[in-house]
Structure formats: structure tokens, C-alpha cells
Amino acid sequence: MDEQHLDLAEYVDRMALVLDLPIPAAYRSGVVDNFAKIKAIAQIVNDFALPEDIEAATVFEP
């Protein structure tokens, strides 16, 4: 799917089928709204540029 044209309602419906996880009609709009929020947050993270020479730390040290 092209992420610029991602239909979140269709995505939720298809993933519910794939996962065999029925979503009651009363909750479906809330699930779609939550995925819209998740998509917006993920976009901010994905758009953050990292230097090519960065390496993952094996131990977190603040």
C-alpha cells in the first residue's frame, strides 16, 4: 500500500481479518481513530534523519 493514500479503515478491516480478531461495530471507529494517531506519531519518528555512521548502543547509559 502507498502510505500517502493509506485508507486506515480498510487497513483495520483487513488486519482484523488476518489476525482473526473481530472488532465490534461499536468500537471500530475508535480503533480507526487510534490508528490515525499512531500513524501520525510514527511519521514523526520515521522522518527524523539519523547520520549514516550512527550505531546502536548495546547498553543504555544516560
N, C-alpha and C. Protein backbone atom coordinates (compact mmCIF):
# COMPACT_ATOMS: atom_id res chain seq x y z
N MET A 1 0.84 -1.19 0.00
CA MET A 1 0.00 0.00 0.00
C MET A 1 0.87 1.24 0.00
N ASP A 2 0.45 2.23 -0.75
CA ASP A 2 1.13 3.52 -0.76
C ASP A 2 0.75 4.26 0.51
N GLU A 3 1.73 4.59 1.35
CA GLU A 3 1.41 5.18 2.64
C GLU A 3 0.77 6.56 2.51
N GLN A 4 0.97 7.25 1.39
CA GLN A 4 0.33 8.55 1.20
C GLN A 4 -1.18 8.39 0.99
N HIS A 5 -1.62 7.24 0.51
CA HIS A 5 -3.03 7.01 0.23
C HIS A 5 -3.57 5.85 1.07
N LEU A 6 -3.03 5.66 2.24
CA LEU A 6 -3.46 4.56 3.11
C LEU A 6 -4.85 4.83 3.66
N ASP A 7 -5.78 3.94 3.37
CA ASP A 7 -7.13 4.02 3.91
C ASP A 7 -7.11 3.26 5.23
N LEU A 8 -7.10 3.99 6.33
CA LEU A 8 -6.95 3.35 7.64
C LEU A 8 -8.14 2.46 7.98
N ALA A 9 -9.32 2.82 7.57
CA ALA A 9 -10.49 1.98 7.84
C ALA A 9 -10.34 0.63 7.13
N GLU A 10 -9.89 0.67 5.89
CA GLU A 10 -9.67 -0.58 5.14
C GLU A 10 -8.53 -1.38 5.78
N TYR A 11 -7.48 -0.69 6.21
CA TYR A 11 -6.36 -1.37 6.86
C TYR A 11 -6.83 -2.09 8.12
N VAL A 12 -7.61 -1.41 8.95
CA VAL A 12 -8.12 -2.01 10.18
C VAL A 12 -8.97 -3.23 9.85
N ASP A 13 -9.83 -3.11 8.86
CA ASP A 13 -10.69 -4.23 8.47
C ASP A 13 -9.87 -5.43 8.00
N ARG A 14 -8.88 -5.17 7.17
CA ARG A 14 -8.06 -6.27 6.65
C ARG A 14 -7.20 -6.91 7.73
N MET A 15 -6.63 -6.11 8.61
CA MET A 15 -5.80 -6.68 9.68
C MET A 15 -6.66 -7.46 10.67
N ALA A 16 -7.88 -7.02 10.89
CA ALA A 16 -8.79 -7.78 11.76
C ALA A 16 -9.06 -9.15 11.17
N LEU A 17 -9.21 -9.21 9.84
CA LEU A 17 -9.41 -10.50 9.18
C LEU A 17 -8.16 -11.37 9.26
N VAL A 18 -7.00 -10.77 8.98
CA VAL A 18 -5.74 -11.52 9.01
C VAL A 18 -5.48 -12.09 10.40
N LEU A 19 -5.75 -11.29 11.41
CA LEU A 19 -5.49 -11.71 12.79
C LEU A 19 -6.65 -12.51 13.40
N ASP A 20 -7.71 -12.66 12.63
CA ASP A 20 -8.92 -13.32 13.13
C ASP A 20 -9.36 -12.68 14.45
N LEU A 21 -9.42 -11.34 14.41
CA LEU A 21 -9.75 -10.56 15.59
C LEU A 21 -10.97 -9.68 15.26
N PRO A 22 -12.15 -10.19 15.51
CA PRO A 22 -13.34 -9.40 15.17
C PRO A 22 -13.40 -8.12 16.00
N ILE A 23 -13.75 -7.02 15.33
CA ILE A 23 -13.89 -5.73 16.01
C ILE A 23 -15.37 -5.38 15.98
N PRO A 24 -16.00 -5.31 17.15
CA PRO A 24 -17.41 -4.95 17.19
C PRO A 24 -17.64 -3.57 16.55
N ALA A 25 -18.76 -3.40 15.89
CA ALA A 25 -19.08 -2.15 15.19
C ALA A 25 -18.99 -0.94 16.12
N ALA A 26 -19.35 -1.13 17.37
CA ALA A 26 -19.33 -0.02 18.32
C ALA A 26 -17.92 0.50 18.59
N TYR A 27 -16.90 -0.35 18.39
CA TYR A 27 -15.51 0.02 18.67
C TYR A 27 -14.70 0.35 17.42
N ARG A 28 -15.21 0.02 16.25
CA ARG A 28 -14.44 0.14 15.01
C ARG A 28 -13.95 1.58 14.77
N SER A 29 -14.81 2.57 14.92
CA SER A 29 -14.39 3.95 14.66
C SER A 29 -13.29 4.39 15.63
N GLY A 30 -13.36 3.93 16.87
CA GLY A 30 -12.30 4.24 17.84
C GLY A 30 -10.99 3.60 17.47
N VAL A 31 -11.04 2.37 16.96
CA VAL A 31 -9.83 1.67 16.52
C VAL A 31 -9.20 2.42 15.34
N VAL A 32 -10.03 2.83 14.39
CA VAL A 32 -9.53 3.58 13.22
C VAL A 32 -8.93 4.90 13.68
N ASP A 33 -9.58 5.61 14.60
CA ASP A 33 -9.04 6.87 15.13
C ASP A 33 -7.69 6.65 15.80
N ASN A 34 -7.56 5.57 16.58
CA ASN A 34 -6.29 5.28 17.24
C ASN A 34 -5.19 5.00 16.23
N PHE A 35 -5.52 4.28 15.15
CA PHE A 35 -4.51 4.03 14.12
C PHE A 35 -4.10 5.32 13.42
N ALA A 36 -5.00 6.26 13.28
CA ALA A 36 -4.65 7.56 12.69
C ALA A 36 -3.64 8.28 13.59
N LYS A 37 -3.85 8.21 14.90
CA LYS A 37 -2.91 8.83 15.84
C LYS A 37 -1.56 8.12 15.82
N ILE A 38 -1.60 6.79 15.78
CA ILE A 38 -0.36 6.00 15.71
C ILE A 38 0.42 6.35 14.44
N LYS A 39 -0.29 6.47 13.32
CA LYS A 39 0.35 6.80 12.04
C LYS A 39 1.03 8.16 12.12
N ALA A 40 0.37 9.15 12.72
CA ALA A 40 0.93 10.49 12.84
C ALA A 40 2.19 10.48 13.71
N ILE A 41 2.17 9.76 14.81
CA ILE A 41 3.34 9.67 15.69
C ILE A 41 4.47 8.94 15.00
N ALA A 42 4.15 7.84 14.32
CA ALA A 42 5.18 7.07 13.62
C ALA A 42 5.82 7.89 12.51
N GLN A 43 5.04 8.74 11.85
CA GLN A 43 5.59 9.57 10.78
C GLN A 43 6.64 10.52 11.32
N ILE A 44 6.40 11.09 12.48
CA ILE A 44 7.37 11.99 13.10
C ILE A 44 8.68 11.24 13.37
N VAL A 45 8.58 10.04 13.89
CA VAL A 45 9.76 9.23 14.18
C VAL A 45 10.48 8.85 12.89
N ASN A 46 9.73 8.40 11.89
CA ASN A 46 10.32 7.96 10.63
C ASN A 46 10.95 9.11 9.86
N ASP A 47 10.46 10.33 10.03
CA ASP A 47 11.01 11.48 9.32
C ASP A 47 12.27 12.03 9.97
N PHE A 48 12.60 11.58 11.18
CA PHE A 48 13.79 12.07 11.88
C PHE A 48 15.03 11.48 11.22
N ALA A 49 15.85 12.34 10.68
CA ALA A 49 17.06 11.89 9.98
C ALA A 49 18.15 11.47 10.97
N LEU A 50 18.75 10.33 10.70
CA LEU A 50 19.87 9.84 11.50
C LEU A 50 21.12 9.84 10.64
N PRO A 51 22.27 10.16 11.25
CA PRO A 51 23.52 10.10 10.48
C PRO A 51 23.81 8.67 10.04
N GLU A 52 24.46 8.52 8.91
CA GLU A 52 24.77 7.21 8.36
C GLU A 52 25.73 6.41 9.25
N ASP A 53 26.57 7.11 10.01
CA ASP A 53 27.59 6.42 10.81
C ASP A 53 27.14 6.09 12.23
N ILE A 54 25.89 6.31 12.54
CA ILE A 54 25.40 6.03 13.89
C ILE A 54 25.27 4.52 14.12
N GLU A 55 25.58 4.09 15.35
CA GLU A 55 25.46 2.68 15.71
C GLU A 55 24.59 2.55 16.94
N ALA A 56 23.91 1.43 17.03
CA ALA A 56 23.08 1.18 18.20
C ALA A 56 23.95 0.89 19.41
N ALA A 57 23.57 1.46 20.55
CA ALA A 57 24.29 1.19 21.79
C ALA A 57 23.81 -0.14 22.37
N THR A 58 24.74 -0.93 22.86
CA THR A 58 24.37 -2.21 23.45
C THR A 58 23.83 -2.03 24.87
N VAL A 59 24.21 -0.95 25.54
CA VAL A 59 23.76 -0.68 26.88
C VAL A 59 23.37 0.80 26.96
N PHE A 60 22.19 1.06 27.54
CA PHE A 60 21.75 2.44 27.69
C PHE A 60 22.46 3.06 28.88
N GLU A 61 23.13 4.18 28.64
CA GLU A 61 23.79 4.93 29.71
C GLU A 61 23.36 6.38 29.61
N PRO A 62 22.52 6.85 30.53
CA PRO A 62 22.04 8.25 30.45
C PRO A 62 23.14 9.25 30.72
